[in-house]
Amino acid sequence: MSKIIRLFAALFALSIAGCSSVSPQAATPSLPAVASTASTSTIATKRVIYYYQTQYSNGIYVSLAPIWRTLNPNTGKPYVTDVLIAAFHLGYDSNNAPYIHLNDNPPGDPMFDVMWPQVAKLQSSGITARMMLGGAAQGSYAVLFAHWSTFYPILKQTLTRYQLNGIDLDVEENVSLADAQKLIDRLHRDFGSGFTITLAPVASALFGGANLSGFNYQQLYDSPAGAHISWFNAQCYSGFGSLGSTTTYDRIVNFGYPPDKVVAGMLANPADGSGFVPIDTARATVRQLVASYPTFGGVAAWEYFNALPGGPTRPAKWSVVMGKAMGL
């Protein structure tokens, strides 16, 4: 890691619900990390993120309005900082025509006619709205890199058309380090420094354990492309980590990642995958992490529509609970 190698000796080499059930592998821990000296305020690093994959539940549109209406009385702004619209996929249809889909439909499908203006409203409220590409449904990255001249322009056009603020790369298939670097470098070149690029590895991939992405995250972050990675949304569930205690997050930081570069991802409802930790327990863990790491990177919920403790009727309540846990 370019930022970390200056601080440590060489480190041992090392995406949303639906991850594989591969058991995390043990790894030799590296030297302890020195506390980050991020120039941003400690409040600014404490992100509150929702993944938004279920746009319709039982045929009813899942509104984003509660997010911008749920305000932090200390700031007058929403608790939520980021909404990741999931999941975008690339591929060829039955007629061999290339496509980009949001779940099972083109992003321009009329079913999203209410969603996109709401996404714009989020942005006008100071919340970043980004694309999540990939996830448990494999194949998007394989086809992207195998047919780059076809699919990268489609990806770029979609990001531009919907004026998205960035992209979350959830790589749950084998991708080479060179290809990961190529994609990050090209996105940065095309969209500039204001465009947020994050990755969503399973948590164990950040401390040398089980990894679904193929490439080594430590080597990626250590490369020139690493300078363009805003942070990592670590999946601390599905057997790859847990927020039942601080252990998973501690291992990531001790492996050399600055706390402001690591968001702790959790399942917000046991119906959404394996490894759910009760919200009260997760809240207690988050409080401990904030106490240990003043520049703690924040939290992410998979996923919005049924997030506890409010559930489907009050999904934004999770953001209040976690925001308060971080002292926002």
Protein backbone atom coordinates (compact mmCIF):
# COMPACT_ATOMS: atom_id res chain seq x y z
CA MET A 1 0.00 0.00 0.00
CA SER A 2 1.60 3.27 -1.06
CA LYS A 3 0.34 5.14 1.98
CA ILE A 4 0.95 2.35 4.40
CA ILE A 5 4.25 0.97 3.15
CA ARG A 6 5.92 4.16 4.36
CA LEU A 7 4.73 3.28 7.84
CA PHE A 8 5.18 -0.46 8.05
CA ALA A 9 7.27 -3.38 6.94
CA ALA A 10 5.91 -5.41 4.04
CA LEU A 11 2.49 -6.85 4.90
CA PHE A 12 1.26 -10.39 4.44
CA ALA A 13 -0.65 -10.67 1.13
CA LEU A 14 -4.04 -11.02 1.48
CA SER A 15 -18.62 -8.48 -1.96
CA ILE A 16 -23.86 -7.44 0.03
CA ALA A 17 -25.76 -10.32 1.00
CA GLY A 18 -25.61 -13.43 -1.09
CA CYS A 19 -21.85 -13.91 -0.66
CA SER A 20 -20.51 -17.41 -0.92
CA SER A 21 -20.22 -19.43 2.25
CA VAL A 22 -16.47 -20.00 1.90
CA SER A 23 -14.91 -20.09 5.37
CA PRO A 24 -12.46 -17.27 6.16
CA GLN A 25 -8.84 -18.34 6.18
CA ALA A 26 -6.35 -17.49 8.89
CA ALA A 27 -3.58 -15.04 8.07
CA THR A 28 -0.42 -13.88 9.77
CA PRO A 29 -1.12 -10.40 11.19
CA SER A 30 1.05 -7.53 10.08
CA LEU A 31 2.58 -4.80 12.20
CA PRO A 32 0.09 -2.51 14.00
CA ALA A 33 -1.03 0.52 12.08
CA VAL A 34 -0.20 4.05 13.09
CA ALA A 35 -3.27 6.21 13.66
CA SER A 36 -4.47 7.99 10.53
CA THR A 37 -3.77 11.70 10.21
CA ALA A 38 -6.65 12.39 7.85
CA SER A 39 -7.17 16.08 7.16
CA THR A 40 -10.95 15.77 7.19
CA SER A 41 -12.79 16.18 10.46
CA THR A 42 -13.61 13.09 12.47
CA ILE A 43 -17.31 13.76 11.90
CA ALA A 44 -16.79 13.82 8.12
CA THR A 45 -15.32 10.32 8.10
CA LYS A 46 -18.27 8.76 9.92
CA ARG A 47 -20.35 7.77 6.93
CA VAL A 48 -23.90 6.39 7.12
CA ILE A 49 -24.58 4.34 4.01
CA TYR A 50 -27.56 2.41 2.69
CA TYR A 51 -27.50 -0.14 -0.10
CA TYR A 52 -30.73 0.21 -2.06
CA GLN A 53 -31.41 -2.93 -4.07
CA THR A 54 -35.07 -3.65 -3.35
CA GLN A 55 -36.84 -0.86 -5.21
CA TYR A 56 -40.16 -2.71 -5.06
CA SER A 57 -41.40 -4.86 -2.18
CA ASN A 58 -44.54 -6.91 -2.78
CA GLY A 59 -45.17 -4.80 -5.86
CA ILE A 60 -45.03 -1.50 -3.95
CA TYR A 61 -42.32 1.07 -4.64
CA VAL A 62 -39.88 1.55 -1.74
CA SER A 63 -39.63 5.31 -1.39
CA LEU A 64 -36.35 7.05 -0.61
CA ALA A 65 -38.17 10.03 0.90
CA PRO A 66 -37.70 8.89 4.53
CA ILE A 67 -33.95 9.27 4.06
CA TRP A 68 -34.01 12.99 3.29
CA ARG A 69 -36.81 13.61 5.78
CA THR A 70 -34.97 11.99 8.69
CA LEU A 71 -32.82 14.85 9.88
CA ASN A 72 -30.11 15.04 12.51
CA PRO A 73 -31.20 17.81 14.90
CA ASN A 74 -27.55 18.67 15.53
CA THR A 75 -26.91 19.50 11.88
CA GLY A 76 -30.32 19.96 10.28
CA LYS A 77 -29.18 17.51 7.60
CA PRO A 78 -30.00 13.84 6.93
CA TYR A 79 -28.10 11.28 8.97
CA VAL A 80 -27.44 9.38 5.73
CA THR A 81 -24.38 10.35 3.71
CA ASP A 82 -24.50 7.85 0.82
CA VAL A 83 -27.05 5.71 -1.01
CA LEU A 84 -25.71 2.93 -3.22
CA ILE A 85 -28.17 1.95 -5.93
CA ALA A 86 -27.90 -1.78 -6.48
CA ALA A 87 -27.23 -3.86 -8.29
CA PHE A 88 -26.10 -2.94 -11.80
CA HIS A 89 -25.08 -5.77 -14.12
CA LEU A 90 -23.46 -6.00 -17.56
CA GLY A 91 -24.04 -8.74 -20.08
CA TYR A 92 -25.46 -9.90 -23.40
CA ASP A 93 -29.13 -10.60 -23.93
CA SER A 94 -30.63 -13.55 -25.84
CA ASN A 95 -30.11 -11.64 -29.11
CA ASN A 96 -26.43 -11.11 -28.27
CA ALA A 97 -26.99 -7.41 -27.70
CA PRO A 98 -24.96 -5.84 -24.86
CA TYR A 99 -26.90 -4.40 -21.94
CA ILE A 100 -26.63 -2.76 -18.56
CA HIS A 101 -29.40 -3.62 -16.12
CA LEU A 102 -30.42 -2.41 -12.70
CA ASN A 103 -31.29 -5.79 -11.25
CA ASP A 104 -33.44 -7.31 -14.01
CA ASN A 105 -34.35 -4.24 -16.03
CA PRO A 106 -32.69 -1.40 -17.97
CA PRO A 107 -32.19 1.65 -15.73
CA GLY A 108 -34.40 3.63 -18.11
CA ASP A 109 -37.34 1.28 -17.64
CA PRO A 110 -40.56 3.08 -16.61
CA MET A 111 -40.50 1.16 -13.32
CA PHE A 112 -37.70 3.52 -12.25
CA ASP A 113 -39.48 6.73 -13.28
CA VAL A 114 -40.21 7.57 -9.64
CA MET A 115 -36.83 6.46 -8.36
CA TRP A 116 -34.57 8.67 -10.46
CA PRO A 117 -36.20 11.98 -9.42
CA GLN A 118 -35.95 10.77 -5.82
CA VAL A 119 -32.26 10.05 -6.35
CA ALA A 120 -31.86 13.63 -7.57
CA LYS A 121 -33.67 14.83 -4.43
CA LEU A 122 -31.21 12.87 -2.29
CA GLN A 123 -28.36 14.59 -4.06
CA SER A 124 -29.90 18.02 -3.58
CA SER A 125 -30.11 17.17 0.14
CA GLY A 126 -26.35 16.60 0.27
CA ILE A 127 -26.41 12.81 -0.02
CA THR A 128 -24.20 11.12 -2.60
CA ALA A 129 -25.92 8.62 -4.87
CA ARG A 130 -23.74 6.00 -6.47
CA MET A 131 -23.96 2.91 -8.62
CA MET A 132 -23.14 -0.49 -7.15
CA LEU A 133 -21.75 -2.70 -9.89
CA GLY A 134 -21.61 -6.48 -9.53
CA GLY A 135 -22.37 -8.39 -6.38
CA ALA A 136 -23.37 -11.99 -5.90
CA ALA A 137 -24.71 -12.35 -9.45
CA GLN A 138 -21.42 -12.98 -11.20
CA GLY A 139 -20.41 -12.14 -14.76
CA SER A 140 -20.43 -8.35 -15.04
CA TYR A 141 -16.69 -7.94 -14.55
CA ALA A 142 -15.83 -10.90 -16.76
CA VAL A 143 -17.78 -9.46 -19.68
CA LEU A 144 -16.55 -5.92 -18.99
CA PHE A 145 -12.88 -6.87 -19.25
CA ALA A 146 -13.35 -9.39 -22.05
CA HIS A 147 -15.23 -6.82 -24.17
CA TRP A 148 -13.90 -3.57 -22.79
CA SER A 149 -14.54 -1.43 -25.88
CA THR A 150 -18.18 -2.47 -25.82
CA PHE A 151 -19.06 -2.35 -22.14
CA TYR A 152 -16.95 0.42 -20.66
CA PRO A 153 -18.68 3.05 -22.84
CA ILE A 154 -22.06 1.67 -21.69
CA LEU A 155 -20.97 1.92 -18.07
CA LYS A 156 -19.64 5.44 -18.54
CA GLN A 157 -22.76 6.57 -20.38
CA THR A 158 -25.01 5.27 -17.59
CA LEU A 159 -23.02 7.00 -14.86
CA THR A 160 -23.21 10.22 -16.87
CA ARG A 161 -26.86 9.99 -17.86
CA TYR A 162 -28.08 9.56 -14.29
CA GLN A 163 -25.53 12.02 -12.88
CA LEU A 164 -24.31 9.56 -10.29
CA ASN A 165 -21.66 10.71 -7.83
CA GLY A 166 -19.54 7.60 -7.98
CA ILE A 167 -19.41 3.84 -8.10
CA ASP A 168 -19.08 0.97 -5.63
CA LEU A 169 -17.23 -1.99 -7.12
CA ASP A 170 -18.53 -5.20 -5.56
CA VAL A 171 -16.28 -7.79 -7.17
CA GLU A 172 -17.43 -11.30 -6.28
CA GLU A 173 -15.76 -13.08 -9.18
CA ASN A 174 -12.16 -13.61 -10.25
CA VAL A 175 -10.63 -10.40 -11.58
CA SER A 176 -6.94 -9.77 -12.13
CA LEU A 177 -5.10 -7.02 -10.30
CA ALA A 178 -4.25 -5.40 -13.64
CA ASP A 179 -7.90 -5.26 -14.66
CA ALA A 180 -8.99 -3.82 -11.31
CA GLN A 181 -6.33 -1.13 -11.66
CA LYS A 182 -7.38 -0.45 -15.24
CA LEU A 183 -11.00 0.13 -14.29
CA ILE A 184 -10.21 2.39 -11.33
CA ASP A 185 -7.68 4.43 -13.31
CA ARG A 186 -10.07 4.89 -16.23
CA LEU A 187 -12.97 5.93 -14.02
CA HIS A 188 -10.76 8.45 -12.25
CA ARG A 189 -9.45 9.80 -15.55
CA ASP A 190 -12.94 10.14 -17.04
CA PHE A 191 -14.78 11.54 -14.01
CA GLY A 192 -12.12 13.27 -11.94
CA SER A 193 -11.26 13.56 -8.28
CA GLY A 194 -14.81 14.48 -7.23
CA PHE A 195 -16.07 11.08 -8.33
CA THR A 196 -16.19 8.62 -5.42
CA ILE A 197 -14.76 5.17 -6.12
CA THR A 198 -15.23 2.57 -3.40
CA LEU A 199 -14.86 -1.20 -3.27
CA ALA A 200 -16.93 -3.71 -1.29
CA PRO A 201 -14.73 -6.66 -0.37
CA VAL A 202 -15.70 -9.29 2.15
CA ALA A 203 -14.07 -8.15 5.37
CA SER A 204 -11.61 -11.04 5.55
CA ALA A 205 -10.08 -9.98 2.22
CA LEU A 206 -8.75 -6.90 4.02
CA PHE A 207 -6.73 -8.89 6.53
CA GLY A 208 -5.35 -11.63 4.31
CA GLY A 209 -8.22 -14.12 4.65
CA ALA A 210 -10.90 -15.44 2.32
CA ASN A 211 -11.35 -13.27 -0.74
CA LEU A 212 -13.99 -13.47 -3.48
CA SER A 213 -12.40 -10.97 -5.87
CA GLY A 214 -9.35 -12.78 -7.23
CA PHE A 215 -6.94 -9.87 -6.85
CA ASN A 216 -5.09 -8.90 -3.68
CA TYR A 217 -6.61 -5.81 -2.03
CA GLN A 218 -3.39 -4.89 -0.28
CA GLN A 219 -1.53 -4.87 -3.58
CA LEU A 220 -4.32 -2.85 -5.18
CA TYR A 221 -4.25 -0.20 -2.46
CA ASP A 222 -0.44 -0.12 -2.59
CA SER A 223 -0.47 0.56 -6.34
CA PRO A 224 -0.96 3.97 -7.97
CA ALA A 225 -4.64 3.10 -8.49
CA GLY A 226 -5.00 2.90 -4.71
CA ALA A 227 -4.78 6.67 -4.49
CA HIS A 228 -8.12 6.85 -6.31
CA ILE A 229 -9.96 4.55 -3.88
CA SER A 230 -12.04 6.65 -1.51
CA TRP A 231 -12.66 3.82 0.96
CA PHE A 232 -13.67 0.17 1.37
CA ASN A 233 -17.17 -0.97 2.35
CA ALA A 234 -16.16 -4.14 4.20
CA GLN A 235 -18.80 -6.87 4.28
CA CYS A 236 -18.71 -7.94 7.93
CA TYR A 237 -21.16 -10.82 7.57
CA SER A 238 -21.82 -14.11 5.74
CA GLY A 239 -18.96 -15.78 7.61
CA PHE A 240 -16.35 -13.28 6.43
CA GLY A 241 -16.48 -11.07 9.50
CA SER A 242 -18.86 -9.84 12.18
CA LEU A 243 -19.88 -6.76 14.10
CA GLY A 244 -20.73 -8.89 17.11
CA SER A 245 -17.49 -7.45 18.50
CA THR A 246 -14.70 -5.17 17.32
CA THR A 247 -12.46 -8.10 16.33
CA THR A 248 -13.06 -8.02 12.57
CA TYR A 249 -12.54 -4.29 12.28
CA ASP A 250 -9.52 -4.39 14.58
CA ARG A 251 -7.90 -7.03 12.38
CA ILE A 252 -8.38 -4.85 9.29
CA VAL A 253 -6.84 -1.81 10.95
CA ASN A 254 -4.00 -3.85 12.40
CA PHE A 255 -3.30 -5.16 8.93
CA GLY A 256 -2.54 -1.60 7.89
CA TYR A 257 -5.70 0.09 6.60
CA PRO A 258 -6.42 3.54 8.08
CA PRO A 259 -9.78 3.59 9.91
CA ASP A 260 -11.08 6.42 7.75
CA LYS A 261 -10.69 4.10 4.74
CA VAL A 262 -12.82 1.29 6.20
CA VAL A 263 -16.61 1.35 6.51
CA ALA A 264 -18.13 -1.46 8.58
CA GLY A 265 -20.87 -3.12 6.57
CA MET A 266 -23.65 -5.04 8.31
CA LEU A 267 -26.86 -6.87 7.51
CA ALA A 268 -29.74 -4.68 8.63
CA ASN A 269 -32.25 -7.53 8.76
CA PRO A 270 -31.77 -11.30 9.27
CA ALA A 271 -33.96 -11.90 6.20
CA ASP A 272 -31.26 -10.39 4.00
CA GLY A 273 -28.49 -12.95 4.47
CA SER A 274 -26.44 -14.94 6.94
CA GLY A 275 -24.44 -13.51 9.80
CA PHE A 276 -26.95 -10.96 11.07
CA VAL A 277 -25.96 -9.31 14.33
CA PRO A 278 -28.78 -7.76 16.40
CA ILE A 279 -28.91 -4.02 15.93
CA ASP A 280 -28.35 -3.31 19.63
CA THR A 281 -25.20 -5.43 19.55
CA ALA A 282 -23.97 -3.78 16.36
CA ARG A 283 -24.65 -0.37 17.89
CA ALA A 284 -22.57 -1.24 20.94
CA THR A 285 -19.74 -2.42 18.70
CA VAL A 286 -19.88 0.79 16.68
CA ARG A 287 -19.62 2.82 19.86
CA GLN A 288 -16.52 0.88 20.86
CA LEU A 289 -15.00 1.38 17.42
CA VAL A 290 -15.59 5.13 17.54
CA ALA A 291 -13.93 5.24 20.96
CA SER A 292 -10.94 3.28 19.67
CA TYR A 293 -10.65 5.00 16.29
CA PRO A 294 -11.58 8.70 16.22
CA THR A 295 -11.47 8.61 12.41
CA PHE A 296 -13.69 5.51 12.18
CA GLY A 297 -14.93 5.27 8.59
CA GLY A 298 -18.61 4.70 9.28
CA VAL A 299 -21.26 2.06 8.72
CA ALA A 300 -23.18 0.57 5.80
CA ALA A 301 -26.46 -1.35 5.79
CA TRP A 302 -27.47 -4.13 3.46
CA GLU A 303 -30.15 -3.17 2.80
CA TYR A 304 -32.49 -0.17 3.03
CA PHE A 305 -36.02 -1.44 2.43
CA ASN A 306 -36.41 -3.55 5.59
CA ALA A 307 -33.63 -2.19 7.78
CA LEU A 308 -34.18 -2.76 11.48
CA PRO A 309 -35.06 -1.51 14.00
CA GLY A 310 -37.76 0.29 11.99
CA GLY A 311 -38.32 -2.43 9.40
CA PRO A 312 -40.28 -1.84 6.16
CA THR A 313 -42.46 0.88 7.68
CA ARG A 314 -39.54 2.94 9.05
CA PRO A 315 -36.35 1.87 7.26
CA ALA A 316 -34.61 5.19 7.93
CA LYS A 317 -34.56 4.52 11.68
CA TRP A 318 -31.37 2.50 11.30
CA SER A 319 -29.56 5.64 10.18
CA VAL A 320 -30.64 7.45 13.35
CA VAL A 321 -29.50 4.61 15.60
CA MET A 322 -26.11 4.32 13.94
CA GLY A 323 -25.66 8.07 13.60
CA LYS A 324 -26.19 8.53 17.31
CA ALA A 325 -23.89 5.59 18.06
CA MET A 326 -21.15 7.47 16.21
CA GLY A 327 -21.90 10.70 18.05
CA LEU A 328 -23.27 12.54 15.05
